[in-house]
Every structure is written in structure tokens, then in C-alpha cells.
Amino acid sequence: GKGREGVSCISHNSEDTYYEDSVKGRFTISRDNAKNTVYLQ
């Protein structure tokens, strides 16, 4: 019943990130280009 809301995003070079207010301090986004994978802890 809800829209698709942004939680966390990361720029291509990892220099910029965004966190939705409710997840700040709890979630961490990261990327490992060698593994070609992005994570959300």
C-alpha cells in the first residue's frame, strides 16, 4: 500500500551517499567494484 521510497544510494565513485532519515545511523551502503556488488548493511 505504499510507494517505492528511497532508502540509501551511493554514487558511482562512492563519494556521495544518501540515507533516508529513518535509517541514518543504522544502515550503511557500500560498493565493492572488484566484486561488482553493492551492499546494504
PDB file of all heavy atoms in Angstrom:
ATOM      1  N   GLY A   1       0.777  -1.222   0.000  1.00  0.00           N
ATOM      2  CA  GLY A   1       0.000   0.000   0.000  1.00  0.00           C
ATOM      3  C   GLY A   1       0.813   1.277   0.000  1.00  0.00           C
ATOM      4  O   GLY A   1       0.232   2.371   0.065  1.00  0.00           O
ATOM      5  N   LYS A   2       2.118   1.156  -0.060  1.00  0.00           N
ATOM      6  CA  LYS A   2       2.993   2.315  -0.028  1.00  0.00           C
ATOM      7  C   LYS A   2       3.734   2.464  -1.356  1.00  0.00           C
ATOM      8  O   LYS A   2       3.813   1.533  -2.147  1.00  0.00           O
ATOM      9  CB  LYS A   2       4.014   2.192   1.104  1.00  0.00           C
ATOM     10  CG  LYS A   2       3.411   1.999   2.482  1.00  0.00           C
ATOM     11  CD  LYS A   2       2.713   3.254   2.965  1.00  0.00           C
ATOM     12  CE  LYS A   2       2.239   3.084   4.402  1.00  0.00           C
ATOM     13  NZ  LYS A   2       1.570   4.313   4.902  1.00  0.00           N
ATOM     14  N   GLY A   3       4.271   3.642  -1.568  1.00  0.00           N
ATOM     15  CA  GLY A   3       5.103   3.866  -2.719  1.00  0.00           C
ATOM     16  C   GLY A   3       6.500   3.325  -2.523  1.00  0.00           C
ATOM     17  O   GLY A   3       6.879   2.872  -1.441  1.00  0.00           O
ATOM     18  N   ARG A   4       7.262   3.365  -3.583  1.00  0.00           N
ATOM     19  CA  ARG A   4       8.636   2.890  -3.543  1.00  0.00           C
ATOM     20  C   ARG A   4       9.534   4.051  -3.129  1.00  0.00           C
ATOM     21  O   ARG A   4       9.785   4.975  -3.906  1.00  0.00           O
ATOM     22  CB  ARG A   4       9.038   2.338  -4.904  1.00  0.00           C
ATOM     23  CG  ARG A   4      10.351   1.604  -4.896  1.00  0.00           C
ATOM     24  CD  ARG A   4      10.578   0.859  -6.210  1.00  0.00           C
ATOM     25  NE  ARG A   4       9.577  -0.180  -6.415  1.00  0.00           N
ATOM     26  CZ  ARG A   4       9.631  -1.075  -7.393  1.00  0.00           C
ATOM     27  NH1 ARG A   4      10.637  -1.055  -8.262  1.00  0.00           N
ATOM     28  NH2 ARG A   4       8.676  -1.979  -7.517  1.00  0.00           N
ATOM     29  N   GLU A   5      10.022   3.990  -1.896  1.00  0.00           N
ATOM     30  CA  GLU A   5      10.780   5.095  -1.331  1.00  0.00           C
ATOM     31  C   GLU A   5      12.269   4.806  -1.298  1.00  0.00           C
ATOM     32  O   GLU A   5      12.698   3.674  -1.070  1.00  0.00           O
ATOM     33  CB  GLU A   5      10.288   5.424   0.083  1.00  0.00           C
ATOM     34  CG  GLU A   5      10.559   4.357   1.112  1.00  0.00           C
ATOM     35  CD  GLU A   5      10.253   4.801   2.533  1.00  0.00           C
ATOM     36  OE1 GLU A   5      10.003   6.008   2.760  1.00  0.00           O
ATOM     37  OE2 GLU A   5      10.260   3.942   3.435  1.00  0.00           O
ATOM     38  N   GLY A   6      13.028   5.846  -1.497  1.00  0.00           N
ATOM     39  CA  GLY A   6      14.470   5.716  -1.430  1.00  0.00           C
ATOM     40  C   GLY A   6      14.942   5.467  -0.014  1.00  0.00           C
ATOM     41  O   GLY A   6      14.511   6.138   0.925  1.00  0.00           O
ATOM     42  N   VAL A   7      15.835   4.526   0.143  1.00  0.00           N
ATOM     43  CA  VAL A   7      16.401   4.169   1.436  1.00  0.00           C
ATOM     44  C   VAL A   7      17.845   4.648   1.541  1.00  0.00           C
ATOM     45  O   VAL A   7      18.221   5.347   2.487  1.00  0.00           O
ATOM     46  CB  VAL A   7      16.331   2.658   1.675  1.00  0.00           C
ATOM     47  CG1 VAL A   7      16.987   2.287   3.004  1.00  0.00           C
ATOM     48  CG2 VAL A   7      14.887   2.177   1.639  1.00  0.00           C
ATOM     49  N   SER A   8      18.645   4.266   0.579  1.00  0.00           N
ATOM     50  CA  SER A   8      20.049   4.640   0.579  1.00  0.00           C
ATOM     51  C   SER A   8      20.607   4.480  -0.816  1.00  0.00           C
ATOM     52  O   SER A   8      20.302   3.506  -1.503  1.00  0.00           O
ATOM     53  CB  SER A   8      20.837   3.769   1.564  1.00  0.00           C
ATOM     54  OG  SER A   8      22.188   4.167   1.625  1.00  0.00           O
ATOM     55  N   CYS A   9      21.444   5.418  -1.217  1.00  0.00           N
ATOM     56  CA  CYS A   9      22.045   5.380  -2.539  1.00  0.00           C
ATOM     57  C   CYS A   9      23.497   5.812  -2.458  1.00  0.00           C
ATOM     58  O   CYS A   9      23.909   6.512  -1.532  1.00  0.00           O
ATOM     59  CB  CYS A   9      21.293   6.290  -3.512  1.00  0.00           C
ATOM     60  SG  CYS A   9      19.586   5.780  -3.828  1.00  0.00           S
ATOM     61  N   ILE A  10      24.256   5.406  -3.456  1.00  0.00           N
ATOM     62  CA  ILE A  10      25.675   5.700  -3.497  1.00  0.00           C
ATOM     63  C   ILE A  10      26.068   6.044  -4.923  1.00  0.00           C
ATOM     64  O   ILE A  10      25.596   5.426  -5.884  1.00  0.00           O
ATOM     65  CB  ILE A  10      26.490   4.499  -2.950  1.00  0.00           C
ATOM     66  CG1 ILE A  10      27.967   4.850  -2.799  1.00  0.00           C
ATOM     67  CG2 ILE A  10      26.296   3.259  -3.818  1.00  0.00           C
ATOM     68  CD1 ILE A  10      28.732   3.819  -1.977  1.00  0.00           C
ATOM     69  N   SER A  11      26.904   7.052  -5.054  1.00  0.00           N
ATOM     70  CA  SER A  11      27.352   7.464  -6.372  1.00  0.00           C
ATOM     71  C   SER A  11      28.309   6.437  -6.961  1.00  0.00           C
ATOM     72  O   SER A  11      28.786   5.526  -6.278  1.00  0.00           O
ATOM     73  CB  SER A  11      28.026   8.834  -6.298  1.00  0.00           C
ATOM     74  OG  SER A  11      29.185   8.791  -5.485  1.00  0.00           O
ATOM     75  N   HIS A  12      28.595   6.609  -8.228  1.00  0.00           N
ATOM     76  CA  HIS A  12      29.415   5.608  -8.907  1.00  0.00           C
ATOM     77  C   HIS A  12      30.808   5.480  -8.317  1.00  0.00           C
ATOM     78  O   HIS A  12      31.401   4.400  -8.375  1.00  0.00           O
ATOM     79  CB  HIS A  12      29.504   5.922 -10.400  1.00  0.00           C
ATOM     80  CG  HIS A  12      30.479   7.018 -10.733  1.00  0.00           C
ATOM     81  ND1 HIS A  12      30.181   8.348 -10.575  1.00  0.00           N
ATOM     82  CD2 HIS A  12      31.757   6.950 -11.210  1.00  0.00           C
ATOM     83  CE1 HIS A  12      31.226   9.070 -10.936  1.00  0.00           C
ATOM     84  NE2 HIS A  12      32.195   8.246 -11.327  1.00  0.00           N
ATOM     85  N   ASN A  13      31.324   6.573  -7.766  1.00  0.00           N
ATOM     86  CA  ASN A  13      32.668   6.568  -7.203  1.00  0.00           C
ATOM     87  C   ASN A  13      32.675   6.519  -5.677  1.00  0.00           C
ATOM     88  O   ASN A  13      33.727   6.710  -5.064  1.00  0.00           O
ATOM     89  CB  ASN A  13      33.451   7.786  -7.685  1.00  0.00           C
ATOM     90  CG  ASN A  13      32.779   9.097  -7.340  1.00  0.00           C
ATOM     91  OD1 ASN A  13      31.805   9.131  -6.599  1.00  0.00           O
ATOM     92  ND2 ASN A  13      33.303  10.187  -7.888  1.00  0.00           N
ATOM     93  N   SER A  14      31.535   6.305  -5.070  1.00  0.00           N
ATOM     94  CA  SER A  14      31.365   6.200  -3.624  1.00  0.00           C
ATOM     95  C   SER A  14      31.592   7.509  -2.885  1.00  0.00           C
ATOM     96  O   SER A  14      31.641   7.509  -1.649  1.00  0.00           O
ATOM     97  CB  SER A  14      32.276   5.117  -3.034  1.00  0.00           C
ATOM     98  OG  SER A  14      31.978   3.849  -3.581  1.00  0.00           O
ATOM     99  N   GLU A  15      31.711   8.613  -3.601  1.00  0.00           N
ATOM    100  CA  GLU A  15      31.971   9.885  -2.937  1.00  0.00           C
ATOM    101  C   GLU A  15      30.729  10.528  -2.351  1.00  0.00           C
ATOM    102  O   GLU A  15      30.837  11.373  -1.459  1.00  0.00           O
ATOM    103  CB  GLU A  15      32.644  10.854  -3.907  1.00  0.00           C
ATOM    104  CG  GLU A  15      34.060  10.443  -4.281  1.00  0.00           C
ATOM    105  CD  GLU A  15      34.783  11.492  -5.088  1.00  0.00           C
ATOM    106  OE1 GLU A  15      34.163  12.528  -5.427  1.00  0.00           O
ATOM    107  OE2 GLU A  15      35.973  11.288  -5.389  1.00  0.00           O
ATOM    108  N   ASP A  16      29.571  10.147  -2.841  1.00  0.00           N
ATOM    109  CA  ASP A  16      28.325  10.714  -2.341  1.00  0.00           C
ATOM    110  C   ASP A  16      27.382   9.596  -1.948  1.00  0.00           C
ATOM    111  O   ASP A  16      27.235   8.613  -2.685  1.00  0.00           O
ATOM    112  CB  ASP A  16      27.664  11.607  -3.387  1.00  0.00           C
ATOM    113  CG  ASP A  16      28.482  12.835  -3.697  1.00  0.00           C
ATOM    114  OD1 ASP A  16      28.713  13.641  -2.787  1.00  0.00           O
ATOM    115  OD2 ASP A  16      28.895  12.984  -4.869  1.00  0.00           O
ATOM    116  N   THR A  17      26.752   9.771  -0.810  1.00  0.00           N
ATOM    117  CA  THR A  17      25.762   8.814  -0.347  1.00  0.00           C
ATOM    118  C   THR A  17      24.532   9.549   0.156  1.00  0.00           C
ATOM    119  O   THR A  17      24.591  10.728   0.511  1.00  0.00           O
ATOM    120  CB  THR A  17      26.294   7.912   0.777  1.00  0.00           C
ATOM    121  OG1 THR A  17      26.735   8.719   1.872  1.00  0.00           O
ATOM    122  CG2 THR A  17      27.446   7.050   0.278  1.00  0.00           C
ATOM    123  N   TYR A  18      23.446   8.838   0.178  1.00  0.00           N
ATOM    124  CA  TYR A  18      22.201   9.349   0.719  1.00  0.00           C
ATOM    125  C   TYR A  18      21.601   8.288   1.624  1.00  0.00           C
ATOM    126  O   TYR A  18      21.632   7.096   1.297  1.00  0.00           O
ATOM    127  CB  TYR A  18      21.199   9.688  -0.394  1.00  0.00           C
ATOM    128  CG  TYR A  18      19.799   9.908   0.135  1.00  0.00           C
ATOM    129  CD1 TYR A  18      19.411  11.141   0.650  1.00  0.00           C
ATOM    130  CD2 TYR A  18      18.867   8.867   0.151  1.00  0.00           C
ATOM    131  CE1 TYR A  18      18.144  11.334   1.159  1.00  0.00           C
ATOM    132  CE2 TYR A  18      17.594   9.060   0.664  1.00  0.00           C
ATOM    133  CZ  TYR A  18      17.244  10.294   1.167  1.00  0.00           C
ATOM    134  OH  TYR A  18      15.984  10.489   1.674  1.00  0.00           O
ATOM    135  N   TYR A  19      21.053   8.745   2.741  1.00  0.00           N
ATOM    136  CA  TYR A  19      20.321   7.872   3.642  1.00  0.00           C
ATOM    137  C   TYR A  19      19.006   8.537   4.024  1.00  0.00           C
ATOM    138  O   TYR A  19      18.982   9.719   4.391  1.00  0.00           O
ATOM    139  CB  TYR A  19      21.100   7.581   4.918  1.00  0.00           C
ATOM    140  CG  TYR A  19      22.356   6.778   4.692  1.00  0.00           C
ATOM    141  CD1 TYR A  19      23.586   7.402   4.539  1.00  0.00           C
ATOM    142  CD2 TYR A  19      22.307   5.390   4.641  1.00  0.00           C
ATOM    143  CE1 TYR A  19      24.735   6.663   4.331  1.00  0.00           C
ATOM    144  CE2 TYR A  19      23.454   4.645   4.437  1.00  0.00           C
ATOM    145  CZ  TYR A  19      24.670   5.288   4.282  1.00  0.00           C
ATOM    146  OH  TYR A  19      25.814   4.550   4.082  1.00  0.00           O
ATOM    147  N   GLU A  20      17.944   7.785   3.928  1.00  0.00           N
ATOM    148  CA  GLU A  20      16.663   8.271   4.413  1.00  0.00           C
ATOM    149  C   GLU A  20      16.765   8.478   5.922  1.00  0.00           C
ATOM    150  O   GLU A  20      17.469   7.742   6.619  1.00  0.00           O
ATOM    151  CB  GLU A  20      15.573   7.263   4.053  1.00  0.00           C
ATOM    152  CG  GLU A  20      14.155   7.804   4.122  1.00  0.00           C
ATOM    153  CD  GLU A  20      13.571   7.695   5.504  1.00  0.00           C
ATOM    154  OE1 GLU A  20      13.916   6.732   6.216  1.00  0.00           O
ATOM    155  OE2 GLU A  20      12.764   8.567   5.883  1.00  0.00           O
ATOM    156  N   ASP A  21      16.076   9.480   6.426  1.00  0.00           N
ATOM    157  CA  ASP A  21      16.261   9.866   7.818  1.00  0.00           C
ATOM    158  C   ASP A  21      16.054   8.713   8.796  1.00  0.00           C
ATOM    159  O   ASP A  21      16.786   8.584   9.780  1.00  0.00           O
ATOM    160  CB  ASP A  21      15.309  11.010   8.182  1.00  0.00           C
ATOM    161  CG  ASP A  21      15.734  12.336   7.601  1.00  0.00           C
ATOM    162  OD1 ASP A  21      16.894  12.468   7.177  1.00  0.00           O
ATOM    163  OD2 ASP A  21      14.897  13.263   7.578  1.00  0.00           O
ATOM    164  N   SER A  22      15.074   7.885   8.534  1.00  0.00           N
ATOM    165  CA  SER A  22      14.747   6.834   9.487  1.00  0.00           C
ATOM    166  C   SER A  22      15.798   5.729   9.561  1.00  0.00           C
ATOM    167  O   SER A  22      15.781   4.928  10.499  1.00  0.00           O
ATOM    168  CB  SER A  22      13.386   6.220   9.158  1.00  0.00           C
ATOM    169  OG  SER A  22      13.421   5.463   7.967  1.00  0.00           O
ATOM    170  N   VAL A  23      16.705   5.674   8.594  1.00  0.00           N
ATOM    171  CA  VAL A  23      17.726   4.624   8.601  1.00  0.00           C
ATOM    172  C   VAL A  23      19.113   5.156   8.906  1.00  0.00           C
ATOM    173  O   VAL A  23      20.062   4.362   9.026  1.00  0.00           O
ATOM    174  CB  VAL A  23      17.747   3.835   7.279  1.00  0.00           C
ATOM    175  CG1 VAL A  23      16.351   3.356   6.918  1.00  0.00           C
ATOM    176  CG2 VAL A  23      18.349   4.653   6.148  1.00  0.00           C
ATOM    177  N   LYS A  24      19.258   6.454   9.045  1.00  0.00           N
ATOM    178  CA  LYS A  24      20.561   7.024   9.349  1.00  0.00           C
ATOM    179  C   LYS A  24      21.096   6.472  10.661  1.00  0.00           C
ATOM    180  O   LYS A  24      20.386   6.405  11.653  1.00  0.00           O
ATOM    181  CB  LYS A  24      20.479   8.549   9.425  1.00  0.00           C
ATOM    182  CG  LYS A  24      20.342   9.231   8.089  1.00  0.00           C
ATOM    183  CD  LYS A  24      20.301  10.743   8.238  1.00  0.00           C
ATOM    184  CE  LYS A  24      20.186  11.420   6.891  1.00  0.00           C
ATOM    185  NZ  LYS A  24      20.068  12.892   7.028  1.00  0.00           N
ATOM    186  N   GLY A  25      22.349   6.090  10.641  1.00  0.00           N
ATOM    187  CA  GLY A  25      22.972   5.512  11.814  1.00  0.00           C
ATOM    188  C   GLY A  25      22.739   4.040  11.977  1.00  0.00           C
ATOM    189  O   GLY A  25      23.379   3.405  12.828  1.00  0.00           O
ATOM    190  N   ARG A  26      21.839   3.467  11.195  1.00  0.00           N
ATOM    191  CA  ARG A  26      21.545   2.040  11.279  1.00  0.00           C
ATOM    192  C   ARG A  26      21.953   1.286  10.014  1.00  0.00           C
ATOM    193  O   ARG A  26      22.374   0.138  10.096  1.00  0.00           O
ATOM    194  CB  ARG A  26      20.055   1.809  11.532  1.00  0.00           C
ATOM    195  CG  ARG A  26      19.556   2.415  12.832  1.00  0.00           C
ATOM    196  CD  ARG A  26      18.129   1.960  13.142  1.00  0.00           C
ATOM    197  NE  ARG A  26      17.176   2.413  12.129  1.00  0.00           N
ATOM    198  CZ  ARG A  26      16.412   1.606  11.398  1.00  0.00           C
ATOM    199  NH1 ARG A  26      16.494   0.287  11.563  1.00  0.00           N
ATOM    200  NH2 ARG A  26      15.561   2.106  10.517  1.00  0.00           N
ATOM    201  N   PHE A  27      21.791   1.923   8.867  1.00  0.00           N
ATOM    202  CA  PHE A  27      22.091   1.280   7.590  1.00  0.00           C
ATOM    203  C   PHE A  27      23.365   1.877   7.009  1.00  0.00           C
ATOM    204  O   PHE A  27      23.655   3.065   7.184  1.00  0.00           O
ATOM    205  CB  PHE A  27      20.960   1.495   6.591  1.00  0.00           C
ATOM    206  CG  PHE A  27      19.675   0.770   6.897  1.00  0.00           C
ATOM    207  CD1 PHE A  27      19.460   0.142   8.105  1.00  0.00           C
ATOM    208  CD2 PHE A  27      18.669   0.739   5.940  1.00  0.00           C
ATOM    209  CE1 PHE A  27      18.271  -0.515   8.377  1.00  0.00           C
ATOM    210  CE2 PHE A  27      17.478   0.085   6.195  1.00  0.00           C
ATOM    211  CZ  PHE A  27      17.269  -0.540   7.402  1.00  0.00           C
ATOM    212  N   THR A  28      24.094   1.056   6.279  1.00  0.00           N
ATOM    213  CA  THR A  28      25.287   1.505   5.591  1.00  0.00           C
ATOM    214  C   THR A  28      25.302   0.932   4.187  1.00  0.00           C
ATOM    215  O   THR A  28      25.182  -0.286   4.012  1.00  0.00           O
ATOM    216  CB  THR A  28      26.567   1.077   6.323  1.00  0.00           C
ATOM    217  OG1 THR A  28      26.563   1.587   7.657  1.00  0.00           O
ATOM    218  CG2 THR A  28      27.795   1.622   5.595  1.00  0.00           C
ATOM    219  N   ILE A  29      25.442   1.799   3.213  1.00  0.00           N
ATOM    220  CA  ILE A  29      25.564   1.352   1.835  1.00  0.00           C
ATOM    221  C   ILE A  29      27.034   1.369   1.440  1.00  0.00           C
ATOM    222  O   ILE A  29      27.789   2.249   1.852  1.00  0.00           O
ATOM    223  CB  ILE A  29      24.722   2.221   0.883  1.00  0.00           C
ATOM    224  CG1 ILE A  29      24.641   1.583  -0.514  1.00  0.00           C
ATOM    225  CG2 ILE A  29      25.249   3.648   0.802  1.00  0.00           C
ATOM    226  CD1 ILE A  29      23.607   2.233  -1.421  1.00  0.00           C
ATOM    227  N   SER A  30      27.435   0.394   0.677  1.00  0.00           N
ATOM    228  CA  SER A  30      28.810   0.322   0.220  1.00  0.00           C
ATOM    229  C   SER A  30      28.848  -0.407  -1.114  1.00  0.00           C
ATOM    230  O   SER A  30      27.893  -1.077  -1.506  1.00  0.00           O
ATOM    231  CB  SER A  30      29.708  -0.381   1.248  1.00  0.00           C
ATOM    232  OG  SER A  30      29.306  -1.726   1.437  1.00  0.00           O
ATOM    233  N   ARG A  31      29.952  -0.260  -1.784  1.00  0.00           N
ATOM    234  CA  ARG A  31      30.120  -0.981  -3.034  1.00  0.00           C
ATOM    235  C   ARG A  31      31.528  -1.517  -3.134  1.00  0.00           C
ATOM    236  O   ARG A  31      32.486  -0.897  -2.670  1.00  0.00           O
ATOM    237  CB  ARG A  31      29.758  -0.094  -4.239  1.00  0.00           C
ATOM    238  CG  ARG A  31      30.621   1.135  -4.431  1.00  0.00           C
ATOM    239  CD  ARG A  31      29.974   2.089  -5.442  1.00  0.00           C
ATOM    240  NE  ARG A  31      29.682   1.430  -6.705  1.00  0.00           N
ATOM    241  CZ  ARG A  31      28.813   1.880  -7.602  1.00  0.00           C
ATOM    242  NH1 ARG A  31      28.129   2.999  -7.367  1.00  0.00           N
ATOM    243  NH2 ARG A  31      28.609   1.212  -8.734  1.00  0.00           N
ATOM    244  N   ASP A  32      31.634  -2.671  -3.727  1.00  0.00           N
ATOM    245  CA  ASP A  32      32.907  -3.318  -3.969  1.00  0.00           C
ATOM    246  C   ASP A  32      32.984  -3.563  -5.466  1.00  0.00           C
ATOM    247  O   ASP A  32      32.418  -4.533  -5.979  1.00  0.00           O
ATOM    248  CB  ASP A  32      33.018  -4.624  -3.184  1.00  0.00           C
ATOM    249  CG  ASP A  32      34.389  -5.259  -3.284  1.00  0.00           C
ATOM    250  OD1 ASP A  32      35.131  -4.974  -4.245  1.00  0.00           O
ATOM    251  OD2 ASP A  32      34.740  -6.057  -2.391  1.00  0.00           O
ATOM    252  N   ASN A  33      33.658  -2.679  -6.162  1.00  0.00           N
ATOM    253  CA  ASN A  33      33.696  -2.782  -7.616  1.00  0.00           C
ATOM    254  C   ASN A  33      34.440  -4.024  -8.090  1.00  0.00           C
ATOM    255  O   ASN A  33      34.139  -4.559  -9.157  1.00  0.00           O
ATOM    256  CB  ASN A  33      34.315  -1.523  -8.219  1.00  0.00           C
ATOM    257  CG  ASN A  33      33.393  -0.326  -8.122  1.00  0.00           C
ATOM    258  OD1 ASN A  33      32.174  -0.470  -7.988  1.00  0.00           O
ATOM    259  ND2 ASN A  33      33.951   0.869  -8.193  1.00  0.00           N
ATOM    260  N   ALA A  34      35.413  -4.479  -7.308  1.00  0.00           N
ATOM    261  CA  ALA A  34      36.122  -5.701  -7.670  1.00  0.00           C
ATOM    262  C   ALA A  34      35.185  -6.896  -7.687  1.00  0.00           C
ATOM    263  O   ALA A  34      35.365  -7.828  -8.480  1.00  0.00           O
ATOM    264  CB  ALA A  34      37.288  -5.948  -6.722  1.00  0.00           C
ATOM    265  N   LYS A  35      34.209  -6.887  -6.801  1.00  0.00           N
ATOM    266  CA  LYS A  35      33.211  -7.949  -6.761  1.00  0.00           C
ATOM    267  C   LYS A  35      31.964  -7.614  -7.565  1.00  0.00           C
ATOM    268  O   LYS A  35      31.052  -8.441  -7.665  1.00  0.00           O
ATOM    269  CB  LYS A  35      32.822  -8.258  -5.313  1.00  0.00           C
ATOM    270  CG  LYS A  35      33.937  -8.858  -4.474  1.00  0.00           C
ATOM    271  CD  LYS A  35      33.432  -9.196  -3.079  1.00  0.00           C
ATOM    272  CE  LYS A  35      34.457  -9.982  -2.287  1.00  0.00           C
ATOM    273  NZ  LYS A  35      35.680  -9.196  -2.029  1.00  0.00           N
ATOM    274  N   ASN A  36      31.920  -6.399  -8.107  1.00  0.00           N
ATOM    275  CA  ASN A  36      30.789  -5.960  -8.911  1.00  0.00           C
ATOM    276  C   ASN A  36      29.489  -6.092  -8.121  1.00  0.00           C
ATOM    277  O   ASN A  36      28.475  -6.567  -8.633  1.00  0.00           O
ATOM    278  CB  ASN A  36      30.707  -6.756 -10.216  1.00  0.00           C
ATOM    279  CG  ASN A  36      29.951  -6.021 -11.301  1.00  0.00           C
ATOM    280  OD1 ASN A  36      29.814  -4.798 -11.280  1.00  0.00           O
ATOM    281  ND2 ASN A  36      29.439  -6.779 -12.274  1.00  0.00           N
ATOM    282  N   THR A  37      29.543  -5.650  -6.874  1.00  0.00           N
ATOM    283  CA  THR A  37      28.433  -5.833  -5.952  1.00  0.00           C
ATOM    284  C   THR A  37      28.254  -4.592  -5.085  1.00  0.00           C
ATOM    285  O   THR A  37      29.230  -3.951  -4.705  1.00  0.00           O
ATOM    286  CB  THR A  37      28.666  -7.057  -5.051  1.00  0.00           C
ATOM    287  OG1 THR A  37      28.843  -8.224  -5.865  1.00  0.00           O
ATOM    288  CG2 THR A  37      27.490  -7.283  -4.121  1.00  0.00           C
ATOM    289  N   VAL A  38      27.019  -4.276  -4.788  1.00  0.00           N
ATOM    290  CA  VAL A  38      26.665  -3.220  -3.855  1.00  0.00           C
ATOM    291  C   VAL A  38      25.935  -3.850  -2.682  1.00  0.00           C
ATOM    292  O   VAL A  38      25.129  -4.769  -2.859  1.00  0.00           O
ATOM    293  CB  VAL A  38      25.803  -2.145  -4.530  1.00  0.00           C
ATOM    294  CG1 VAL A  38      25.286  -1.138  -3.503  1.00  0.00           C
ATOM    295  CG2 VAL A  38      26.612  -1.417  -5.593  1.00  0.00           C
ATOM    296  N   TYR A  39      26.213  -3.341  -1.493  1.00  0.00           N
ATOM    297  CA  TYR A  39      25.671  -3.917  -0.275  1.00  0.00           C
ATOM    298  C   TYR A  39      24.860  -2.885   0.495  1.00  0.00           C
ATOM    299  O   TYR A  39      25.107  -1.676   0.415  1.00  0.00           O
ATOM    300  CB  TYR A  39      26.792  -4.416   0.640  1.00  0.00           C
ATOM    301  CG  TYR A  39      27.727  -5.392  -0.011  1.00  0.00           C
ATOM    302  CD1 TYR A  39      28.925  -4.960  -0.580  1.00  0.00           C
ATOM    303  CD2 TYR A  39      27.420  -6.746  -0.062  1.00  0.00           C
ATOM    304  CE1 TYR A  39      29.785  -5.856  -1.183  1.00  0.00           C
ATOM    305  CE2 TYR A  39      28.273  -7.647  -0.663  1.00  0.00           C
ATOM    306  CZ  TYR A  39      29.455  -7.198  -1.218  1.00  0.00           C
ATOM    307  OH  TYR A  39      30.306  -8.091  -1.816  1.00  0.00           O
ATOM    308  N   LEU A  40      23.920  -3.375   1.250  1.00  0.00           N
ATOM    309  CA  LEU A  40      23.231  -2.567   2.234  1.00  0.00           C
ATOM    310  C   LEU A  40      23.268  -3.322   3.552  1.00  0.00           C
ATOM    311  O   LEU A  40      22.581  -4.332   3.714  1.00  0.00           O
ATOM    312  CB  LEU A  40      21.785  -2.272   1.831  1.00  0.00           C
ATOM    313  CG  LEU A  40      21.020  -1.347   2.779  1.00  0.00           C
ATOM    314  CD1 LEU A  40      21.605   0.063   2.746  1.00  0.00           C
ATOM    315  CD2 LEU A  40      19.534  -1.310   2.435  1.00  0.00           C
ATOM    316  N   GLN A  41      24.094  -2.835   4.456  1.00  0.00           N
ATOM    317  CA  GLN A  41      24.165  -3.404   5.791  1.00  0.00           C
ATOM    318  C   GLN A  41      23.086  -2.757   6.639  1.00  0.00           C
ATOM    319  O   GLN A  41      23.077  -1.531   6.804  1.00  0.00           O
ATOM    320  CB  GLN A  41      25.543  -3.166   6.406  1.00  0.00           C
ATOM    321  CG  GLN A  41      25.682  -3.639   7.848  1.00  0.00           C
ATOM    322  CD  GLN A  41      25.638  -5.144   7.977  1.00  0.00           C
ATOM    323  OE1 GLN A  41      26.288  -5.841   7.216  1.00  0.00           O
ATOM    324  NE2 GLN A  41      24.862  -5.638   8.931  1.00  0.00           N
TER     325      GLN A  41
END
